[in-house]
Amino acid sequence: MAWRSSGASNAALITNLAGNGLITTERVKKAMLGVDRAHYAPSSPYEDSPQRIGYSATISAPHMHASACESLLRFLSPGARVLDVGSGSGYLTHVLANLVGSEGKVIGVDHIQGLVDLAESNMGKSAAGRELLASGRVRFVKADGRKGWGEGGPYDAIHVGAAAAEAHGPLIEQLKAPGRMFIPVAENLSQFIWVYDKKEDGSVKKTRSFGVQYVPLTDAPAER
């Protein structure tokens, strides 16, 4: 049903995602309605498909962003701290900031400075985005996402927006107890979304969800 969710406007896209059962809660619907995807996708922003944003990166399809938010929602309470690894365009970082409210904080991590700059520029296209940056509720940093961002943790929720070879230890360590991580993991020639739940006693349960296709979580390309 995902491909049927495209719309002529941001509101139409979100309405279609909800109508097709890809957005299932009012909180996620409201958070996504509050971010115009056209500020983050350079072409066809309201198509329910990935879009290239440069640097061999993409902005994921809207239905994947919806799935991530719905999966993490229980851990995105007002005031929560969130890590968005592979933040790319900055779109989902903005949606996550809407979900955690005025007392929450979201850190977007990318390994390419050009993407960090792009995310900040995209977020600056709206008054709400500029306020998020100015207030410190959203921060973008250049770092190896496989190592997380320890100084901002621990995190109630971690979203990983690129396919990892494994669920890297530092990311699990930076999860709060309780906390949840949503991460695509490469398995042979396939990729699957895995959900890692850290319980209050620190034990970790992992659940394989559904098949996906993401760009890989890798080293930054060599500087020329």
C-alpha atoms as a PDB file:
ATOM      1  CA  MET A   1       0.000   0.000   0.000  1.00  0.00           C
ATOM      2  CA  ALA A   2       2.987   2.308   0.441  1.00  0.00           C
ATOM      3  CA  TRP A   3       3.245   3.307  -3.219  1.00  0.00           C
ATOM      4  CA  ARG A   4      -0.402   4.396  -3.142  1.00  0.00           C
ATOM      5  CA  SER A   5       0.294   6.932  -0.402  1.00  0.00           C
ATOM      6  CA  SER A   6       1.851   9.634  -2.582  1.00  0.00           C
ATOM      7  CA  GLY A   7      -0.001  12.946  -2.600  1.00  0.00           C
ATOM      8  CA  ALA A   8      -0.078  16.361  -4.226  1.00  0.00           C
ATOM      9  CA  SER A   9       0.788  18.105  -0.944  1.00  0.00           C
ATOM     10  CA  ASN A  10       2.334  17.311   2.416  1.00  0.00           C
ATOM     11  CA  ALA A  11      -1.112  17.074   4.008  1.00  0.00           C
ATOM     12  CA  ALA A  12      -2.334  14.728   1.270  1.00  0.00           C
ATOM     13  CA  LEU A  13       0.727  12.502   1.680  1.00  0.00           C
ATOM     14  CA  ILE A  14       0.252  12.195   5.440  1.00  0.00           C
ATOM     15  CA  THR A  15      -3.501  11.669   5.083  1.00  0.00           C
ATOM     16  CA  ASN A  16      -2.857   8.866   2.595  1.00  0.00           C
ATOM     17  CA  LEU A  17      -0.258   7.239   4.846  1.00  0.00           C
ATOM     18  CA  ALA A  18      -2.818   7.235   7.649  1.00  0.00           C
ATOM     19  CA  GLY A  19      -5.595   5.994   5.385  1.00  0.00           C
ATOM     20  CA  ASN A  20      -3.422   3.093   4.255  1.00  0.00           C
ATOM     21  CA  GLY A  21      -2.623   2.099   7.840  1.00  0.00           C
ATOM     22  CA  LEU A  22       1.027   3.161   7.685  1.00  0.00           C
ATOM     23  CA  ILE A  23       0.468   5.902  10.263  1.00  0.00           C
ATOM     24  CA  THR A  24      -1.622   4.478  13.100  1.00  0.00           C
ATOM     25  CA  THR A  25      -1.525   7.134  15.835  1.00  0.00           C
ATOM     26  CA  GLU A  26      -2.597  10.756  16.012  1.00  0.00           C
ATOM     27  CA  ARG A  27       0.714  11.741  17.620  1.00  0.00           C
ATOM     28  CA  VAL A  28       2.738  10.554  14.655  1.00  0.00           C
ATOM     29  CA  LYS A  29       0.260  12.010  12.181  1.00  0.00           C
ATOM     30  CA  LYS A  30       0.419  15.420  13.861  1.00  0.00           C
ATOM     31  CA  ALA A  31       4.232  15.334  14.085  1.00  0.00           C
ATOM     32  CA  MET A  32       4.586  14.535  10.383  1.00  0.00           C
ATOM     33  CA  LEU A  33       1.975  17.095   9.352  1.00  0.00           C
ATOM     34  CA  GLY A  34       4.107  19.655  11.181  1.00  0.00           C
ATOM     35  CA  VAL A  35       7.117  19.141   8.886  1.00  0.00           C
ATOM     36  CA  ASP A  36       6.850  20.017   5.199  1.00  0.00           C
ATOM     37  CA  ARG A  37       8.838  17.333   3.392  1.00  0.00           C
ATOM     38  CA  ALA A  38       9.464  19.809   0.555  1.00  0.00           C
ATOM     39  CA  HIS A  39      11.979  21.552   2.830  1.00  0.00           C
ATOM     40  CA  TYR A  40      14.030  18.343   2.974  1.00  0.00           C
ATOM     41  CA  ALA A  41      13.571  16.535  -0.352  1.00  0.00           C
ATOM     42  CA  PRO A  42      14.946  18.275  -3.454  1.00  0.00           C
ATOM     43  CA  SER A  43      12.485  16.688  -5.886  1.00  0.00           C
ATOM     44  CA  SER A  44       9.103  14.922  -5.740  1.00  0.00           C
ATOM     45  CA  PRO A  45       8.836  15.521  -1.981  1.00  0.00           C
ATOM     46  CA  TYR A  46       5.326  14.120  -1.672  1.00  0.00           C
ATOM     47  CA  GLU A  47       6.046  10.847  -3.448  1.00  0.00           C
ATOM     48  CA  ASP A  48       6.118   7.863  -1.106  1.00  0.00           C
ATOM     49  CA  SER A  49       9.550   6.802  -2.306  1.00  0.00           C
ATOM     50  CA  PRO A  50      13.194   7.482  -1.403  1.00  0.00           C
ATOM     51  CA  GLN A  51      14.810  10.577  -2.937  1.00  0.00           C
ATOM     52  CA  ARG A  52      18.492  11.236  -3.578  1.00  0.00           C
ATOM     53  CA  ILE A  53      19.934  14.138  -1.586  1.00  0.00           C
ATOM     54  CA  GLY A  54      23.558  14.004  -2.733  1.00  0.00           C
ATOM     55  CA  TYR A  55      26.711  12.469  -1.230  1.00  0.00           C
ATOM     56  CA  SER A  56      25.402   8.995  -2.220  1.00  0.00           C
ATOM     57  CA  ALA A  57      22.678   9.430   0.398  1.00  0.00           C
ATOM     58  CA  THR A  58      18.891   9.374   0.253  1.00  0.00           C
ATOM     59  CA  ILE A  59      15.940  10.614   2.248  1.00  0.00           C
ATOM     60  CA  SER A  60      13.938   7.490   3.075  1.00  0.00           C
ATOM     61  CA  ALA A  61      10.399   6.986   1.828  1.00  0.00           C
ATOM     62  CA  PRO A  62       7.733   8.601   4.031  1.00  0.00           C
ATOM     63  CA  HIS A  63       6.225   5.229   4.944  1.00  0.00           C
ATOM     64  CA  MET A  64       9.580   4.184   6.418  1.00  0.00           C
ATOM     65  CA  HIS A  65       9.733   7.340   8.509  1.00  0.00           C
ATOM     66  CA  ALA A  66       6.203   6.613   9.699  1.00  0.00           C
ATOM     67  CA  SER A  67       7.164   3.036  10.609  1.00  0.00           C
ATOM     68  CA  ALA A  68      10.173   4.228  12.597  1.00  0.00           C
ATOM     69  CA  CYS A  69       8.132   6.787  14.531  1.00  0.00           C
ATOM     70  CA  GLU A  70       5.356   4.320  15.304  1.00  0.00           C
ATOM     71  CA  SER A  71       7.876   1.730  16.497  1.00  0.00           C
ATOM     72  CA  LEU A  72       9.708   4.179  18.761  1.00  0.00           C
ATOM     73  CA  LEU A  73       6.625   6.094  19.902  1.00  0.00           C
ATOM     74  CA  ARG A  74       6.378   4.579  23.382  1.00  0.00           C
ATOM     75  CA  PHE A  75       9.865   5.942  24.090  1.00  0.00           C
ATOM     76  CA  LEU A  76       9.256   9.373  22.543  1.00  0.00           C
ATOM     77  CA  SER A  77       7.528  10.907  25.545  1.00  0.00           C
ATOM     78  CA  PRO A  78       7.725  14.659  26.162  1.00  0.00           C
ATOM     79  CA  GLY A  79      11.226  15.441  27.363  1.00  0.00           C
ATOM     80  CA  ALA A  80      12.837  12.335  25.868  1.00  0.00           C
ATOM     81  CA  ARG A  81      16.360  12.327  24.439  1.00  0.00           C
ATOM     82  CA  VAL A  82      16.752  10.844  20.971  1.00  0.00           C
ATOM     83  CA  LEU A  83      19.699   9.973  18.724  1.00  0.00           C
ATOM     84  CA  ASP A  84      19.136   9.971  14.953  1.00  0.00           C
ATOM     85  CA  VAL A  85      22.060   8.167  13.304  1.00  0.00           C
ATOM     86  CA  GLY A  86      22.476   8.881   9.612  1.00  0.00           C
ATOM     87  CA  SER A  87      20.332  11.989   9.916  1.00  0.00           C
ATOM     88  CA  GLY A  88      20.897  12.910   6.256  1.00  0.00           C
ATOM     89  CA  SER A  89      18.431  15.573   5.138  1.00  0.00           C
ATOM     90  CA  GLY A  90      17.315  16.271   8.722  1.00  0.00           C
ATOM     91  CA  TYR A  91      13.655  15.492   7.991  1.00  0.00           C
ATOM     92  CA  LEU A  92      13.126  12.701  10.502  1.00  0.00           C
ATOM     93  CA  THR A  93      15.180  14.598  13.086  1.00  0.00           C
ATOM     94  CA  HIS A  94      12.590  17.386  12.838  1.00  0.00           C
ATOM     95  CA  VAL A  95       9.677  14.947  13.142  1.00  0.00           C
ATOM     96  CA  LEU A  96      11.283  13.307  16.188  1.00  0.00           C
ATOM     97  CA  ALA A  97      11.758  16.735  17.775  1.00  0.00           C
ATOM     98  CA  ASN A  98       8.048  17.403  17.316  1.00  0.00           C
ATOM     99  CA  LEU A  99       7.273  14.141  19.102  1.00  0.00           C
ATOM    100  CA  VAL A 100       9.442  14.788  22.174  1.00  0.00           C
ATOM    101  CA  GLY A 101       8.219  18.350  22.644  1.00  0.00           C
ATOM    102  CA  SER A 102       9.713  21.487  24.088  1.00  0.00           C
ATOM    103  CA  GLU A 103      11.648  19.706  26.852  1.00  0.00           C
ATOM    104  CA  GLY A 104      13.054  16.989  24.604  1.00  0.00           C
ATOM    105  CA  LYS A 105      16.284  16.909  22.629  1.00  0.00           C
ATOM    106  CA  VAL A 106      17.270  15.206  19.383  1.00  0.00           C
ATOM    107  CA  ILE A 107      20.824  14.824  18.114  1.00  0.00           C
ATOM    108  CA  GLY A 108      21.332  14.056  14.439  1.00  0.00           C
ATOM    109  CA  VAL A 109      24.620  12.381  13.534  1.00  0.00           C
ATOM    110  CA  ASP A 110      26.082  12.065  10.063  1.00  0.00           C
ATOM    111  CA  HIS A 111      29.588  11.155   8.890  1.00  0.00           C
ATOM    112  CA  ILE A 112      29.665  13.670   6.032  1.00  0.00           C
ATOM    113  CA  GLN A 113      30.017  17.373   6.822  1.00  0.00           C
ATOM    114  CA  GLY A 114      28.076  18.272   3.686  1.00  0.00           C
ATOM    115  CA  LEU A 115      25.048  16.383   5.005  1.00  0.00           C
ATOM    116  CA  VAL A 116      25.337  18.007   8.428  1.00  0.00           C
ATOM    117  CA  ASP A 117      25.341  21.386   6.696  1.00  0.00           C
ATOM    118  CA  LEU A 118      22.445  20.333   4.457  1.00  0.00           C
ATOM    119  CA  ALA A 119      20.318  19.262   7.423  1.00  0.00           C
ATOM    120  CA  GLU A 120      20.890  22.572   9.186  1.00  0.00           C
ATOM    121  CA  SER A 121      20.086  24.482   5.995  1.00  0.00           C
ATOM    122  CA  ASN A 122      16.918  22.469   5.409  1.00  0.00           C
ATOM    123  CA  MET A 123      15.733  22.961   8.970  1.00  0.00           C
ATOM    124  CA  GLY A 124      16.350  26.685   8.633  1.00  0.00           C
ATOM    125  CA  LYS A 125      13.727  26.907   5.876  1.00  0.00           C
ATOM    126  CA  SER A 126      10.877  27.068   8.415  1.00  0.00           C
ATOM    127  CA  ALA A 127      10.327  29.216  11.490  1.00  0.00           C
ATOM    128  CA  ALA A 128       9.713  26.098  13.564  1.00  0.00           C
ATOM    129  CA  GLY A 129      12.960  24.561  12.350  1.00  0.00           C
ATOM    130  CA  ARG A 130      14.953  27.698  13.075  1.00  0.00           C
ATOM    131  CA  GLU A 131      13.556  27.728  16.612  1.00  0.00           C
ATOM    132  CA  LEU A 132      14.562  24.090  17.140  1.00  0.00           C
ATOM    133  CA  LEU A 133      18.139  24.891  16.181  1.00  0.00           C
ATOM    134  CA  ALA A 134      18.325  28.154  18.130  1.00  0.00           C
ATOM    135  CA  SER A 135      16.934  26.569  21.296  1.00  0.00           C
ATOM    136  CA  GLY A 136      19.287  23.595  21.149  1.00  0.00           C
ATOM    137  CA  ARG A 137      16.404  21.134  21.009  1.00  0.00           C
ATOM    138  CA  VAL A 138      17.964  19.845  17.786  1.00  0.00           C
ATOM    139  CA  ARG A 139      21.672  19.590  17.126  1.00  0.00           C
ATOM    140  CA  PHE A 140      23.478  18.108  14.139  1.00  0.00           C
ATOM    141  CA  VAL A 141      27.014  16.753  14.537  1.00  0.00           C
ATOM    142  CA  LYS A 142      29.604  15.144  12.264  1.00  0.00           C
ATOM    143  CA  ALA A 143      30.677  11.802  13.677  1.00  0.00           C
ATOM    144  CA  ASP A 144      30.904   8.087  12.955  1.00  0.00           C
ATOM    145  CA  GLY A 145      27.326   7.019  13.621  1.00  0.00           C
ATOM    146  CA  ARG A 146      28.424   3.472  14.409  1.00  0.00           C
ATOM    147  CA  LYS A 147      29.912   4.889  17.607  1.00  0.00           C
ATOM    148  CA  GLY A 148      26.830   6.939  18.460  1.00  0.00           C
ATOM    149  CA  TRP A 149      27.255  10.227  20.295  1.00  0.00           C
ATOM    150  CA  GLY A 150      28.068   9.457  23.900  1.00  0.00           C
ATOM    151  CA  GLU A 151      28.057  12.978  25.286  1.00  0.00           C
ATOM    152  CA  GLY A 152      24.356  13.391  24.510  1.00  0.00           C
ATOM    153  CA  GLY A 153      23.235  10.096  26.025  1.00  0.00           C
ATOM    154  CA  PRO A 154      21.845   8.001  27.360  1.00  0.00           C
ATOM    155  CA  TYR A 155      18.965   8.042  24.898  1.00  0.00           C
ATOM    156  CA  ASP A 156      15.372   6.962  25.312  1.00  0.00           C
ATOM    157  CA  ALA A 157      15.258   6.115  21.614  1.00  0.00           C
ATOM    158  CA  ILE A 158      17.797   5.622  18.833  1.00  0.00           C
ATOM    159  CA  HIS A 159      16.915   5.611  15.151  1.00  0.00           C
ATOM    160  CA  VAL A 160      19.441   4.401  12.598  1.00  0.00           C
ATOM    161  CA  GLY A 161      18.761   5.508   9.039  1.00  0.00           C
ATOM    162  CA  ALA A 162      21.328   3.379   7.189  1.00  0.00           C
ATOM    163  CA  ALA A 163      21.964  -0.350   7.068  1.00  0.00           C
ATOM    164  CA  ALA A 164      24.525  -1.528   9.600  1.00  0.00           C
ATOM    165  CA  ALA A 165      26.623  -4.671   9.413  1.00  0.00           C
ATOM    166  CA  GLU A 166      25.570  -5.322  13.006  1.00  0.00           C
ATOM    167  CA  ALA A 167      23.920  -3.573  15.925  1.00  0.00           C
ATOM    168  CA  HIS A 168      27.047  -1.747  17.041  1.00  0.00           C
ATOM    169  CA  GLY A 169      27.834  -2.060  20.741  1.00  0.00           C
ATOM    170  CA  PRO A 170      28.219   1.662  21.465  1.00  0.00           C
ATOM    171  CA  LEU A 171      24.670   2.298  20.247  1.00  0.00           C
ATOM    172  CA  ILE A 172      23.222  -0.319  22.577  1.00  0.00           C
ATOM    173  CA  GLU A 173      25.363   1.020  25.424  1.00  0.00           C
ATOM    174  CA  GLN A 174      23.994   4.525  24.848  1.00  0.00           C
ATOM    175  CA  LEU A 175      20.376   3.358  25.160  1.00  0.00           C
ATOM    176  CA  LYS A 176      18.616   4.130  28.411  1.00  0.00           C
ATOM    177  CA  ALA A 177      17.142   1.277  30.389  1.00  0.00           C
ATOM    178  CA  PRO A 178      14.366   1.096  29.326  1.00  0.00           C
ATOM    179  CA  GLY A 179      14.953   2.292  25.780  1.00  0.00           C
ATOM    180  CA  ARG A 180      14.506   1.197  22.176  1.00  0.00           C
ATOM    181  CA  MET A 181      16.595   1.219  18.992  1.00  0.00           C
ATOM    182  CA  PHE A 182      15.192   0.906  15.451  1.00  0.00           C
ATOM    183  CA  ILE A 183      17.954  -0.222  13.087  1.00  0.00           C
ATOM    184  CA  PRO A 184      18.240  -1.792   9.616  1.00  0.00           C
ATOM    185  CA  VAL A 185      20.817  -4.593   9.649  1.00  0.00           C
ATOM    186  CA  ALA A 186      22.363  -6.259   6.605  1.00  0.00           C
ATOM    187  CA  GLU A 187      22.118 -10.051   6.577  1.00  0.00           C
ATOM    188  CA  ASN A 188      23.880 -11.711   3.642  1.00  0.00           C
ATOM    189  CA  LEU A 189      22.198 -10.154   0.587  1.00  0.00           C
ATOM    190  CA  SER A 190      19.145  -8.929   2.509  1.00  0.00           C
ATOM    191  CA  GLN A 191      18.371  -6.227   5.048  1.00  0.00           C
ATOM    192  CA  PHE A 192      15.867  -6.328   7.887  1.00  0.00           C
ATOM    193  CA  ILE A 193      14.646  -3.870  10.474  1.00  0.00           C
ATOM    194  CA  TRP A 194      15.598  -5.013  13.949  1.00  0.00           C
ATOM    195  CA  VAL A 195      14.137  -3.535  17.113  1.00  0.00           C
ATOM    196  CA  TYR A 196      16.380  -3.653  20.172  1.00  0.00           C
ATOM    197  CA  ASP A 197      14.676  -3.179  23.534  1.00  0.00           C
ATOM    198  CA  LYS A 198      16.826  -2.527  26.577  1.00  0.00           C
ATOM    199  CA  LYS A 199      14.905  -3.471  29.697  1.00  0.00           C
ATOM    200  CA  GLU A 200      15.114  -1.802  33.102  1.00  0.00           C
ATOM    201  CA  ASP A 201      17.582  -4.440  34.312  1.00  0.00           C
ATOM    202  CA  GLY A 202      19.867  -3.694  31.353  1.00  0.00           C
ATOM    203  CA  SER A 203      19.120  -6.888  29.454  1.00  0.00           C
ATOM    204  CA  VAL A 204      18.483  -6.532  25.722  1.00  0.00           C
ATOM    205  CA  LYS A 205      15.811  -8.219  23.627  1.00  0.00           C
ATOM    206  CA  LYS A 206      16.029  -8.046  19.839  1.00  0.00           C
ATOM    207  CA  THR A 207      13.191  -8.633  17.396  1.00  0.00           C
ATOM    208  CA  ARG A 208      13.442  -8.946  13.622  1.00  0.00           C
ATOM    209  CA  SER A 209      10.679  -7.013  11.914  1.00  0.00           C
ATOM    210  CA  PHE A 210      10.478  -6.618   8.122  1.00  0.00           C
ATOM    211  CA  GLY A 211      12.684  -6.526   5.043  1.00  0.00           C
ATOM    212  CA  VAL A 212      14.020  -3.174   3.793  1.00  0.00           C
ATOM    213  CA  GLN A 213      16.567  -1.648   1.439  1.00  0.00           C
ATOM    214  CA  TYR A 214      18.767   1.124   2.875  1.00  0.00           C
ATOM    215  CA  VAL A 215      22.077   2.649   1.893  1.00  0.00           C
ATOM    216  CA  PRO A 216      24.891   1.208   4.049  1.00  0.00           C
ATOM    217  CA  LEU A 217      26.219   2.737   7.258  1.00  0.00           C
ATOM    218  CA  THR A 218      29.850   3.241   6.230  1.00  0.00           C
ATOM    219  CA  ASP A 219      32.969   5.313   6.587  1.00  0.00           C
ATOM    220  CA  ALA A 220      32.907   8.781   5.083  1.00  0.00           C
ATOM    221  CA  PRO A 221      34.251   8.897   1.520  1.00  0.00           C
ATOM    222  CA  ALA A 222      37.899   9.885   1.288  1.00  0.00           C
ATOM    223  CA  GLU A 223      38.529  13.596   0.944  1.00  0.00           C
ATOM    224  CA  ARG A 224      39.886  14.663  -2.433  1.00  0.00           C
END
